Amino acid sequence: MVAVFYVPIRDYKVPNPFLYLGDASYSIYLFHMFPIMIISGVLKKVSIPQLLHVPVIISWVLVTIISVFFGCVMYSVVEKKLNTYTKKLLIKKSNARLKGFFINENINADMSIHA
């Protein structure tokens, strides 16, 4: 039965919005509480009678959309730039280590030849 529904993953192309949400998922996770706290705090202080009649599911969907949007903004503004900077820094350090490794290896090889 499982073989009937098997679709090779390599043939499946994931749509770009889902790839972006996957990349931004950690930022969404970290920052989703801020919009929730802000919205709930504002709604507690400002009593708008029309909001009392909004179904819970609609308010939940709106808060979720706002939270995901805020997380995506934080991903684009903070996390992407931080990832780029960190990768450049790590590549620079690893290249320096490799360069030093090969220089020391050549020195040791030269010493063993002359000995």
PDB file of N, CA and C in Angstrom:
ATOM      1  N   MET A   1       0.823  -1.195   0.000  1.00  0.00           N
ATOM      2  CA  MET A   1       0.000   0.000   0.000  1.00  0.00           C
ATOM      3  C   MET A   1       0.872   1.267   0.000  1.00  0.00           C
ATOM      4  N   VAL A   2       1.960   1.258   0.746  1.00  0.00           N
ATOM      5  CA  VAL A   2       2.836   2.421   0.811  1.00  0.00           C
ATOM      6  C   VAL A   2       3.489   2.669  -0.541  1.00  0.00           C
ATOM      7  N   ALA A   3       3.828   1.621  -1.253  1.00  0.00           N
ATOM      8  CA  ALA A   3       4.492   1.756  -2.550  1.00  0.00           C
ATOM      9  C   ALA A   3       3.600   2.461  -3.564  1.00  0.00           C
ATOM     10  N   VAL A   4       2.299   2.355  -3.414  1.00  0.00           N
ATOM     11  CA  VAL A   4       1.375   3.009  -4.334  1.00  0.00           C
ATOM     12  C   VAL A   4       1.474   4.524  -4.204  1.00  0.00           C
ATOM     13  N   PHE A   5       1.690   5.025  -2.991  1.00  0.00           N
ATOM     14  CA  PHE A   5       1.749   6.463  -2.746  1.00  0.00           C
ATOM     15  C   PHE A   5       3.175   7.009  -2.757  1.00  0.00           C
ATOM     16  N   TYR A   6       4.144   6.191  -3.041  1.00  0.00           N
ATOM     17  CA  TYR A   6       5.542   6.609  -3.041  1.00  0.00           C
ATOM     18  C   TYR A   6       5.814   7.533  -4.225  1.00  0.00           C
ATOM     19  N   VAL A   7       6.326   8.707  -3.930  1.00  0.00           N
ATOM     20  CA  VAL A   7       6.728   9.659  -4.963  1.00  0.00           C
ATOM     21  C   VAL A   7       8.190   9.983  -4.695  1.00  0.00           C
ATOM     22  N   PRO A   8       9.045   9.753  -5.662  1.00  0.00           N
ATOM     23  CA  PRO A   8      10.462  10.069  -5.417  1.00  0.00           C
ATOM     24  C   PRO A   8      10.635  11.549  -5.072  1.00  0.00           C
ATOM     25  N   ILE A   9      11.374  11.807  -4.025  1.00  0.00           N
ATOM     26  CA  ILE A   9      11.556  13.171  -3.545  1.00  0.00           C
ATOM     27  C   ILE A   9      12.368  13.991  -4.536  1.00  0.00           C
ATOM     28  N   ARG A  10      13.308  13.385  -5.196  1.00  0.00           N
ATOM     29  CA  ARG A  10      14.159  14.162  -6.104  1.00  0.00           C
ATOM     30  C   ARG A  10      13.383  14.727  -7.290  1.00  0.00           C
ATOM     31  N   ASP A  11      12.225  14.130  -7.605  1.00  0.00           N
ATOM     32  CA  ASP A  11      11.403  14.631  -8.711  1.00  0.00           C
ATOM     33  C   ASP A  11      10.440  15.718  -8.264  1.00  0.00           C
ATOM     34  N   TYR A  12      10.349  15.943  -6.959  1.00  0.00           N
ATOM     35  CA  TYR A  12       9.394  16.912  -6.432  1.00  0.00           C
ATOM     36  C   TYR A  12      10.076  18.241  -6.206  1.00  0.00           C
ATOM     37  N   LYS A  13       9.543  19.291  -6.808  1.00  0.00           N
ATOM     38  CA  LYS A  13      10.106  20.630  -6.618  1.00  0.00           C
ATOM     39  C   LYS A  13       9.243  21.376  -5.602  1.00  0.00           C
ATOM     40  N   VAL A  14       9.863  21.768  -4.510  1.00  0.00           N
ATOM     41  CA  VAL A  14       9.159  22.492  -3.460  1.00  0.00           C
ATOM     42  C   VAL A  14       8.993  23.949  -3.912  1.00  0.00           C
ATOM     43  N   PRO A  15       7.783  24.496  -3.804  1.00  0.00           N
ATOM     44  CA  PRO A  15       7.579  25.900  -4.199  1.00  0.00           C
ATOM     45  C   PRO A  15       8.423  26.856  -3.354  1.00  0.00           C
ATOM     46  N   ASN A  16       8.873  27.930  -3.986  1.00  0.00           N
ATOM     47  CA  ASN A  16       9.754  28.900  -3.322  1.00  0.00           C
ATOM     48  C   ASN A  16       9.200  29.485  -2.026  1.00  0.00           C
ATOM     49  N   PRO A  17       7.893  29.814  -1.943  1.00  0.00           N
ATOM     50  CA  PRO A  17       7.405  30.347  -0.657  1.00  0.00           C
ATOM     51  C   PRO A  17       7.589  29.362   0.494  1.00  0.00           C
ATOM     52  N   PHE A  18       7.447  28.081   0.224  1.00  0.00           N
ATOM     53  CA  PHE A  18       7.650  27.088   1.281  1.00  0.00           C
ATOM     54  C   PHE A  18       9.128  26.948   1.641  1.00  0.00           C
ATOM     55  N   LEU A  19       9.999  27.088   0.656  1.00  0.00           N
ATOM     56  CA  LEU A  19      11.434  27.075   0.948  1.00  0.00           C
ATOM     57  C   LEU A  19      11.806  28.264   1.833  1.00  0.00           C
ATOM     58  N   TYR A  20      11.241  29.429   1.509  1.00  0.00           N
ATOM     59  CA  TYR A  20      11.508  30.623   2.311  1.00  0.00           C
ATOM     60  C   TYR A  20      10.992  30.438   3.735  1.00  0.00           C
ATOM     61  N   LEU A  21       9.778  29.924   3.887  1.00  0.00           N
ATOM     62  CA  LEU A  21       9.225  29.696   5.230  1.00  0.00           C
ATOM     63  C   LEU A  21      10.065  28.673   5.994  1.00  0.00           C
ATOM     64  N   GLY A  22      10.579  27.681   5.294  1.00  0.00           N
ATOM     65  CA  GLY A  22      11.463  26.712   5.941  1.00  0.00           C
ATOM     66  C   GLY A  22      12.742  27.359   6.425  1.00  0.00           C
ATOM     67  N   ASP A  23      13.323  28.223   5.607  1.00  0.00           N
ATOM     68  CA  ASP A  23      14.542  28.933   6.013  1.00  0.00           C
ATOM     69  C   ASP A  23      14.267  29.884   7.173  1.00  0.00           C
ATOM     70  N   ALA A  24      13.095  30.493   7.163  1.00  0.00           N
ATOM     71  CA  ALA A  24      12.747  31.484   8.186  1.00  0.00           C
ATOM     72  C   ALA A  24      12.122  30.862   9.429  1.00  0.00           C
ATOM     73  N   SER A  25      11.961  29.554   9.458  1.00  0.00           N
ATOM     74  CA  SER A  25      11.202  28.915  10.540  1.00  0.00           C
ATOM     75  C   SER A  25      11.801  29.176  11.928  1.00  0.00           C
ATOM     76  N   TYR A  26      13.117  29.220  12.034  1.00  0.00           N
ATOM     77  CA  TYR A  26      13.716  29.456  13.347  1.00  0.00           C
ATOM     78  C   TYR A  26      13.422  30.884  13.819  1.00  0.00           C
ATOM     79  N   SER A  27      13.497  31.852  12.916  1.00  0.00           N
ATOM     80  CA  SER A  27      13.164  33.231  13.287  1.00  0.00           C
ATOM     81  C   SER A  27      11.695  33.357  13.642  1.00  0.00           C
ATOM     82  N   ILE A  28      10.848  32.655  12.900  1.00  0.00           N
ATOM     83  CA  ILE A  28       9.421  32.672  13.224  1.00  0.00           C
ATOM     84  C   ILE A  28       9.215  32.095  14.618  1.00  0.00           C
ATOM     85  N   TYR A  29       9.899  31.004  14.907  1.00  0.00           N
ATOM     86  CA  TYR A  29       9.792  30.380  16.229  1.00  0.00           C
ATOM     87  C   TYR A  29      10.265  31.339  17.330  1.00  0.00           C
ATOM     88  N   LEU A  30      11.385  32.009  17.101  1.00  0.00           N
ATOM     89  CA  LEU A  30      11.942  32.891  18.130  1.00  0.00           C
ATOM     90  C   LEU A  30      11.104  34.142  18.363  1.00  0.00           C
ATOM     91  N   PHE A  31      10.523  34.684  17.310  1.00  0.00           N
ATOM     92  CA  PHE A  31       9.895  35.999  17.410  1.00  0.00           C
ATOM     93  C   PHE A  31       8.372  35.980  17.352  1.00  0.00           C
ATOM     94  N   HIS A  32       7.744  34.827  17.304  1.00  0.00           N
ATOM     95  CA  HIS A  32       6.282  34.809  17.155  1.00  0.00           C
ATOM     96  C   HIS A  32       5.550  35.326  18.390  1.00  0.00           C
ATOM     97  N   MET A  33       6.178  35.259  19.533  1.00  0.00           N
ATOM     98  CA  MET A  33       5.504  35.678  20.761  1.00  0.00           C
ATOM     99  C   MET A  33       5.378  37.198  20.883  1.00  0.00           C
ATOM    100  N   PHE A  34       6.274  37.947  20.286  1.00  0.00           N
ATOM    101  CA  PHE A  34       6.217  39.407  20.411  1.00  0.00           C
ATOM    102  C   PHE A  34       4.933  39.997  19.812  1.00  0.00           C
ATOM    103  N   PRO A  35       4.576  39.643  18.572  1.00  0.00           N
ATOM    104  CA  PRO A  35       3.291  40.172  18.063  1.00  0.00           C
ATOM    105  C   PRO A  35       2.096  39.689  18.877  1.00  0.00           C
ATOM    106  N   ILE A  36       2.158  38.452  19.357  1.00  0.00           N
ATOM    107  CA  ILE A  36       1.046  37.941  20.162  1.00  0.00           C
ATOM    108  C   ILE A  36       0.902  38.758  21.441  1.00  0.00           C
ATOM    109  N   MET A  37       2.013  39.033  22.119  1.00  0.00           N
ATOM    110  CA  MET A  37       1.960  39.813  23.354  1.00  0.00           C
ATOM    111  C   MET A  37       1.511  41.251  23.088  1.00  0.00           C
ATOM    112  N   ILE A  38       2.019  41.834  22.012  1.00  0.00           N
ATOM    113  CA  ILE A  38       1.660  43.223  21.699  1.00  0.00           C
ATOM    114  C   ILE A  38       0.174  43.326  21.358  1.00  0.00           C
ATOM    115  N   ILE A  39      -0.300  42.435  20.517  1.00  0.00           N
ATOM    116  CA  ILE A  39      -1.711  42.477  20.107  1.00  0.00           C
ATOM    117  C   ILE A  39      -2.628  42.228  21.302  1.00  0.00           C
ATOM    118  N   SER A  40      -2.292  41.241  22.120  1.00  0.00           N
ATOM    119  CA  SER A  40      -3.160  40.963  23.278  1.00  0.00           C
ATOM    120  C   SER A  40      -3.109  42.112  24.284  1.00  0.00           C
ATOM    121  N   GLY A  41      -1.951  42.739  24.460  1.00  0.00           N
ATOM    122  CA  GLY A  41      -1.851  43.883  25.367  1.00  0.00           C
ATOM    123  C   GLY A  41      -2.649  45.072  24.875  1.00  0.00           C
ATOM    124  N   VAL A  42      -2.579  45.326  23.584  1.00  0.00           N
ATOM    125  CA  VAL A  42      -3.340  46.437  23.013  1.00  0.00           C
ATOM    126  C   VAL A  42      -4.832  46.169  23.127  1.00  0.00           C
ATOM    127  N   LEU A  43      -5.245  44.952  22.840  1.00  0.00           N
ATOM    128  CA  LEU A  43      -6.675  44.628  22.905  1.00  0.00           C
ATOM    129  C   LEU A  43      -7.217  44.691  24.338  1.00  0.00           C
ATOM    130  N   LYS A  44      -6.377  44.413  25.331  1.00  0.00           N
ATOM    131  CA  LYS A  44      -6.818  44.513  26.723  1.00  0.00           C
ATOM    132  C   LYS A  44      -7.026  45.972  27.131  1.00  0.00           C
ATOM    133  N   LYS A  45      -6.153  46.851  26.644  1.00  0.00           N
ATOM    134  CA  LYS A  45      -6.233  48.262  27.031  1.00  0.00           C
ATOM    135  C   LYS A  45      -7.290  49.025  26.243  1.00  0.00           C
ATOM    136  N   VAL A  46      -7.446  48.667  24.990  1.00  0.00           N
ATOM    137  CA  VAL A  46      -8.402  49.350  24.129  1.00  0.00           C
ATOM    138  C   VAL A  46      -9.610  48.436  23.974  1.00  0.00           C
ATOM    139  N   SER A  47     -10.691  48.822  24.569  1.00  0.00           N
ATOM    140  CA  SER A  47     -11.881  47.973  24.444  1.00  0.00           C
ATOM    141  C   SER A  47     -12.748  48.493  23.301  1.00  0.00           C
ATOM    142  N   ILE A  48     -12.719  47.755  22.206  1.00  0.00           N
ATOM    143  CA  ILE A  48     -13.532  48.090  21.043  1.00  0.00           C
ATOM    144  C   ILE A  48     -14.673  47.083  21.008  1.00  0.00           C
ATOM    145  N   PRO A  49     -15.893  47.531  21.167  1.00  0.00           N
ATOM    146  CA  PRO A  49     -17.027  46.600  21.251  1.00  0.00           C
ATOM    147  C   PRO A  49     -17.166  45.693  20.025  1.00  0.00           C
ATOM    148  N   GLN A  50     -16.788  46.181  18.852  1.00  0.00           N
ATOM    149  CA  GLN A  50     -16.909  45.363  17.645  1.00  0.00           C
ATOM    150  C   GLN A  50     -15.979  44.148  17.687  1.00  0.00           C
ATOM    151  N   LEU A  51     -14.853  44.277  18.380  1.00  0.00           N
ATOM    152  CA  LEU A  51     -13.903  43.164  18.455  1.00  0.00           C
ATOM    153  C   LEU A  51     -14.400  42.033  19.350  1.00  0.00           C
ATOM    154  N   LEU A  52     -15.322  42.335  20.237  1.00  0.00           N
ATOM    155  CA  LEU A  52     -15.841  41.288  21.114  1.00  0.00           C
ATOM    156  C   LEU A  52     -16.668  40.262  20.350  1.00  0.00           C
ATOM    157  N   HIS A  53     -17.175  40.644  19.194  1.00  0.00           N
ATOM    158  CA  HIS A  53     -18.035  39.758  18.409  1.00  0.00           C
ATOM    159  C   HIS A  53     -17.291  39.029  17.293  1.00  0.00           C
ATOM    160  N   VAL A  54     -15.982  39.239  17.187  1.00  0.00           N
ATOM    161  CA  VAL A  54     -15.193  38.551  16.168  1.00  0.00           C
ATOM    162  C   VAL A  54     -14.985  37.108  16.623  1.00  0.00           C
ATOM    163  N   PRO A  55     -15.279  36.140  15.755  1.00  0.00           N
ATOM    164  CA  PRO A  55     -15.053  34.749  16.143  1.00  0.00           C
ATOM    165  C   PRO A  55     -13.580  34.493  16.474  1.00  0.00           C
ATOM    166  N   VAL A  56     -13.358  33.590  17.394  1.00  0.00           N
ATOM    167  CA  VAL A  56     -12.001  33.296  17.868  1.00  0.00           C
ATOM    168  C   VAL A  56     -11.119  32.806  16.732  1.00  0.00           C
ATOM    169  N   ILE A  57     -11.642  32.000  15.841  1.00  0.00           N
ATOM    170  CA  ILE A  57     -10.832  31.445  14.754  1.00  0.00           C
ATOM    171  C   ILE A  57     -10.301  32.548  13.841  1.00  0.00           C
ATOM    172  N   ILE A  58     -11.103  33.570  13.610  1.00  0.00           N
ATOM    173  CA  ILE A  58     -10.653  34.677  12.752  1.00  0.00           C
ATOM    174  C   ILE A  58      -9.531  35.455  13.437  1.00  0.00           C
ATOM    175  N   SER A  59      -9.686  35.732  14.710  1.00  0.00           N
ATOM    176  CA  SER A  59      -8.632  36.455  15.421  1.00  0.00           C
ATOM    177  C   SER A  59      -7.375  35.597  15.522  1.00  0.00           C
ATOM    178  N   TRP A  60      -7.532  34.287  15.703  1.00  0.00           N
ATOM    179  CA  TRP A  60      -6.373  33.387  15.772  1.00  0.00           C
ATOM    180  C   TRP A  60      -5.626  33.366  14.442  1.00  0.00           C
ATOM    181  N   VAL A  61      -6.354  33.303  13.335  1.00  0.00           N
ATOM    182  CA  VAL A  61      -5.722  33.297  12.010  1.00  0.00           C
ATOM    183  C   VAL A  61      -4.995  34.617  11.762  1.00  0.00           C
ATOM    184  N   LEU A  62      -5.616  35.728  12.115  1.00  0.00           N
ATOM    185  CA  LEU A  62      -4.974  37.033  11.918  1.00  0.00           C
ATOM    186  C   LEU A  62      -3.702  37.174  12.745  1.00  0.00           C
ATOM    187  N   VAL A  63      -3.749  36.740  13.995  1.00  0.00           N
ATOM    188  CA  VAL A  63      -2.557  36.815  14.855  1.00  0.00           C
ATOM    189  C   VAL A  63      -1.465  35.891  14.314  1.00  0.00           C
ATOM    190  N   THR A  64      -1.843  34.742  13.815  1.00  0.00           N
ATOM    191  CA  THR A  64      -0.860  33.811  13.237  1.00  0.00           C
ATOM    192  C   THR A  64      -0.203  34.421  12.005  1.00  0.00           C
ATOM    193  N   ILE A  65      -0.988  35.016  11.138  1.00  0.00           N
ATOM    194  CA  ILE A  65      -0.439  35.649   9.932  1.00  0.00           C
ATOM    195  C   ILE A  65       0.511  36.791  10.306  1.00  0.00           C
ATOM    196  N   ILE A  66       0.109  37.607  11.262  1.00  0.00           N
ATOM    197  CA  ILE A  66       0.961  38.712  11.706  1.00  0.00           C
ATOM    198  C   ILE A  66       2.252  38.184  12.332  1.00  0.00           C
ATOM    199  N   SER A  67       2.158  37.127  13.118  1.00  0.00           N
ATOM    200  CA  SER A  67       3.339  36.547  13.758  1.00  0.00           C
ATOM    201  C   SER A  67       4.300  35.962  12.730  1.00  0.00           C
ATOM    202  N   VAL A  68       3.774  35.252  11.750  1.00  0.00           N
ATOM    203  CA  VAL A  68       4.630  34.682  10.700  1.00  0.00           C
ATOM    204  C   VAL A  68       5.273  35.808   9.893  1.00  0.00           C
ATOM    205  N   PHE A  69       4.507  36.832   9.576  1.00  0.00           N
ATOM    206  CA  PHE A  69       5.053  37.975   8.844  1.00  0.00           C
ATOM    207  C   PHE A  69       6.185  38.631   9.628  1.00  0.00           C
ATOM    208  N   PHE A  70       5.982  38.844  10.935  1.00  0.00           N
ATOM    209  CA  PHE A  70       7.004  39.451  11.784  1.00  0.00           C
ATOM    210  C   PHE A  70       8.257  38.571  11.841  1.00  0.00           C
ATOM    211  N   GLY A  71       8.075  37.267  11.962  1.00  0.00           N
ATOM    212  CA  GLY A  71       9.209  36.349  11.968  1.00  0.00           C
ATOM    213  C   GLY A  71       9.970  36.381  10.651  1.00  0.00           C
ATOM    214  N   CYS A  72       9.250  36.481   9.531  1.00  0.00           N
ATOM    215  CA  CYS A  72       9.901  36.554   8.224  1.00  0.00           C
ATOM    216  C   CYS A  72      10.674  37.859   8.061  1.00  0.00           C
ATOM    217  N   VAL A  73      10.126  38.942   8.581  1.00  0.00           N
ATOM    218  CA  VAL A  73      10.839  40.227   8.538  1.00  0.00           C
ATOM    219  C   VAL A  73      12.134  40.118   9.353  1.00  0.00           C
ATOM    220  N   MET A  74      12.054  39.524  10.525  1.00  0.00           N
ATOM    221  CA  MET A  74      13.250  39.362  11.361  1.00  0.00           C
ATOM    222  C   MET A  74      14.271  38.455  10.678  1.00  0.00           C
ATOM    223  N   TYR A  75      13.802  37.452   9.976  1.00  0.00           N
ATOM    224  CA  TYR A  75      14.705  36.568   9.233  1.00  0.00           C
ATOM    225  C   TYR A  75      15.436  37.361   8.156  1.00  0.00           C
ATOM    226  N   SER A  76      14.684  38.149   7.394  1.00  0.00           N
ATOM    227  CA  SER A  76      15.290  38.903   6.291  1.00  0.00           C
ATOM    228  C   SER A  76      16.219  40.000   6.785  1.00  0.00           C
ATOM    229  N   VAL A  77      15.855  40.651   7.881  1.00  0.00           N
ATOM    230  CA  VAL A  77      16.625  41.794   8.368  1.00  0.00           C
ATOM    231  C   VAL A  77      17.815  41.366   9.223  1.00  0.00           C
ATOM    232  N   VAL A  78      17.622  40.347  10.076  1.00  0.00           N
ATOM    233  CA  VAL A  78      18.668  39.989  11.038  1.00  0.00           C
ATOM    234  C   VAL A  78      19.363  38.679  10.669  1.00  0.00           C
ATOM    235  N   GLU A  79      18.592  37.603  10.607  1.00  0.00           N
ATOM    236  CA  GLU A  79      19.206  36.274  10.516  1.00  0.00           C
ATOM    237  C   GLU A  79      19.972  36.058   9.213  1.00  0.00           C
ATOM    238  N   LYS A  80      19.425  36.492   8.090  1.00  0.00           N
ATOM    239  CA  LYS A  80      20.119  36.300   6.812  1.00  0.00           C
ATOM    240  C   LYS A  80      21.474  37.003   6.812  1.00  0.00           C
ATOM    241  N   LYS A  81      21.488  38.241   7.275  1.00  0.00           N
ATOM    242  CA  LYS A  81      22.739  39.005   7.306  1.00  0.00           C
ATOM    243  C   LYS A  81      23.727  38.400   8.301  1.00  0.00           C
ATOM    244  N   LEU A  82      23.216  37.936   9.432  1.00  0.00           N
ATOM    245  CA  LEU A  82      24.078  37.313  10.424  1.00  0.00           C
ATOM    246  C   LEU A  82      24.661  36.003   9.899  1.00  0.00           C
ATOM    247  N   ASN A  83      23.853  35.233   9.190  1.00  0.00           N
ATOM    248  CA  ASN A  83      24.337  33.987   8.592  1.00  0.00           C
ATOM    249  C   ASN A  83      25.423  34.248   7.558  1.00  0.00           C
ATOM    250  N   THR A  84      25.222  35.254   6.720  1.00  0.00           N
ATOM    251  CA  THR A  84      26.215  35.605   5.703  1.00  0.00           C
ATOM    252  C   THR A  84      27.519  36.039   6.356  1.00  0.00           C
ATOM    253  N   TYR A  85      27.425  36.888   7.365  1.00  0.00           N
ATOM    254  CA  TYR A  85      28.622  37.364   8.065  1.00  0.00           C
ATOM    255  C   TYR A  85      29.352  36.203   8.742  1.00  0.00           C
ATOM    256  N   THR A  86      28.603  35.334   9.405  1.00  0.00           N
ATOM    257  CA  THR A  86      29.206  34.204  10.111  1.00  0.00           C
ATOM    258  C   THR A  86      29.881  33.247   9.146  1.00  0.00           C
ATOM    259  N   LYS A  87      29.244  32.967   8.011  1.00  0.00           N
ATOM    260  CA  LYS A  87      29.846  32.076   7.020  1.00  0.00           C
ATOM    261  C   LYS A  87      31.154  32.654   6.496  1.00  0.00           C
ATOM    262  N   LYS A  88      31.170  33.956   6.182  1.00  0.00           N
ATOM    263  CA  LYS A  88      32.401  34.589   5.700  1.00  0.00           C
ATOM    264  C   LYS A  88      33.498  34.502   6.746  1.00  0.00           C
ATOM    265  N   LEU A  89      33.135  34.734   8.000  1.00  0.00           N
ATOM    266  CA  LEU A  89      34.111  34.681   9.088  1.00  0.00           C
ATOM    267  C   LEU A  89      34.661  33.263   9.259  1.00  0.00           C
ATOM    268  N   LEU A  90      33.793  32.272   9.216  1.00  0.00           N
ATOM    269  CA  LEU A  90      34.233  30.887   9.368  1.00  0.00           C
ATOM    270  C   LEU A  90      35.088  30.428   8.192  1.00  0.00           C
ATOM    271  N   ILE A  91      34.728  30.847   6.995  1.00  0.00           N
ATOM    272  CA  ILE A  91      35.527  30.481   5.819  1.00  0.00           C
ATOM    273  C   ILE A  91      36.906  31.111   5.913  1.00  0.00           C
ATOM    274  N   LYS A  92      36.955  32.372   6.345  1.00  0.00           N
ATOM    275  CA  LYS A  92      38.237  33.052   6.476  1.00  0.00           C
ATOM    276  C   LYS A  92      39.117  32.342   7.511  1.00  0.00           C
ATOM    277  N   LYS A  93      38.514  31.948   8.662  1.00  0.00           N
ATOM    278  CA  LYS A  93      39.283  31.267   9.692  1.00  0.00           C
ATOM    279  C   LYS A  93      39.728  29.882   9.232  1.00  0.00           C
ATOM    280  N   SER A  94      38.842  29.155   8.543  1.00  0.00           N
ATOM    281  CA  SER A  94      39.213  27.806   8.103  1.00  0.00           C
ATOM    282  C   SER A  94      40.287  27.867   7.028  1.00  0.00           C
ATOM    283  N   ASN A  95      40.232  28.881   6.157  1.00  0.00           N
ATOM    284  CA  ASN A  95      41.285  29.042   5.153  1.00  0.00           C
ATOM    285  C   ASN A  95      42.622  29.360   5.805  1.00  0.00           C
ATOM    286  N   ALA A  96      42.601  30.181   6.850  1.00  0.00           N
ATOM    287  CA  ALA A  96      43.839  30.509   7.559  1.00  0.00           C
ATOM    288  C   ALA A  96      44.411  29.271   8.241  1.00  0.00           C
ATOM    289  N   ARG A  97      43.542  28.447   8.828  1.00  0.00           N
ATOM    290  CA  ARG A  97      44.013  27.214   9.473  1.00  0.00           C
ATOM    291  C   ARG A  97      44.592  26.254   8.445  1.00  0.00           C
ATOM    292  N   LEU A  98      43.906  26.114   7.321  1.00  0.00           N
ATOM    293  CA  LEU A  98      44.403  25.211   6.279  1.00  0.00           C
ATOM    294  C   LEU A  98      45.728  25.698   5.720  1.00  0.00           C
ATOM    295  N   LYS A  99      45.843  27.003   5.535  1.00  0.00           N
ATOM    296  CA  LYS A  99      47.084  27.570   5.018  1.00  0.00           C
ATOM    297  C   LYS A  99      48.223  27.294   5.997  1.00  0.00           C
ATOM    298  N   GLY A 100      47.970  27.491   7.269  1.00  0.00           N
ATOM    299  CA  GLY A 100      48.979  27.204   8.279  1.00  0.00           C
ATOM    300  C   GLY A 100      49.303  25.730   8.355  1.00  0.00           C
ATOM    301  N   PHE A 101      48.299  24.880   8.170  1.00  0.00           N
ATOM    302  CA  PHE A 101      48.514  23.438   8.208  1.00  0.00           C
ATOM    303  C   PHE A 101      49.425  23.007   7.075  1.00  0.00           C
ATOM    304  N   PHE A 102      49.161  23.496   5.871  1.00  0.00           N
ATOM    305  CA  PHE A 102      49.971  23.081   4.737  1.00  0.00           C
ATOM    306  C   PHE A 102      51.370  23.668   4.799  1.00  0.00           C
ATOM    307  N   ILE A 103      51.506  24.878   5.344  1.00  0.00           N
ATOM    308  CA  ILE A 103      52.841  25.462   5.498  1.00  0.00           C
ATOM    309  C   ILE A 103      53.637  24.616   6.492  1.00  0.00           C
ATOM    310  N   ASN A 104      53.054  24.274   7.642  1.00  0.00           N
ATOM    311  CA  ASN A 104      53.750  23.456   8.631  1.00  0.00           C
ATOM    312  C   ASN A 104      54.059  22.074   8.076  1.00  0.00           C
ATOM    313  N   GLU A 105      53.137  21.526   7.279  1.00  0.00           N
ATOM    314  CA  GLU A 105      53.355  20.215   6.690  1.00  0.00           C
ATOM    315  C   GLU A 105      54.546  20.253   5.737  1.00  0.00           C
ATOM    316  N   ASN A 106      54.635  21.329   4.948  1.00  0.00           N
ATOM    317  CA  ASN A 106      55.757  21.457   4.021  1.00  0.00           C
ATOM    318  C   ASN A 106      57.070  21.632   4.773  1.00  0.00           C
ATOM    319  N   ILE A 107      57.058  22.377   5.862  1.00  0.00           N
ATOM    320  CA  ILE A 107      58.268  22.569   6.653  1.00  0.00           C
ATOM    321  C   ILE A 107      58.703  21.226   7.238  1.00  0.00           C
ATOM    322  N   ASN A 108      57.735  20.472   7.801  1.00  0.00           N
ATOM    323  CA  ASN A 108      58.063  19.171   8.352  1.00  0.00           C
ATOM    324  C   ASN A 108      58.562  18.220   7.277  1.00  0.00           C
ATOM    325  N   ALA A 109      57.976  18.270   6.101  1.00  0.00           N
ATOM    326  CA  ALA A 109      58.416  17.407   4.991  1.00  0.00           C
ATOM    327  C   ALA A 109      59.818  17.787   4.561  1.00  0.00           C
ATOM    328  N   ASP A 110      60.120  19.080   4.481  1.00  0.00           N
ATOM    329  CA  ASP A 110      61.463  19.539   4.103  1.00  0.00           C
ATOM    330  C   ASP A 110      62.478  19.104   5.144  1.00  0.00           C
ATOM    331  N   MET A 111      62.114  19.171   6.426  1.00  0.00           N
ATOM    332  CA  MET A 111      63.040  18.797   7.498  1.00  0.00           C
ATOM    333  C   MET A 111      63.337  17.310   7.445  1.00  0.00           C
ATOM    334  N   SER A 112      62.348  16.499   7.135  1.00  0.00           N
ATOM    335  CA  SER A 112      62.570  15.053   7.098  1.00  0.00           C
ATOM    336  C   SER A 112      63.389  14.647   5.891  1.00  0.00           C
ATOM    337  N   ILE A 113      63.313  15.410   4.802  1.00  0.00           N
ATOM    338  CA  ILE A 113      64.106  15.107   3.602  1.00  0.00           C
ATOM    339  C   ILE A 113      65.572  15.420   3.869  1.00  0.00           C
ATOM    340  N   HIS A 114      65.827  16.533   4.534  1.00  0.00           N
ATOM    341  CA  HIS A 114      67.202  16.952   4.791  1.00  0.00           C
ATOM    342  C   HIS A 114      67.846  16.196   5.931  1.00  0.00           C
ATOM    343  N   ALA A 115      67.079  15.527   6.724  1.00  0.00           N
ATOM    344  CA  ALA A 115      67.640  14.859   7.896  1.00  0.00           C
ATOM    345  C   ALA A 115      68.296  13.552   7.576  1.00  0.00           C
TER     346      ALA A 115
END
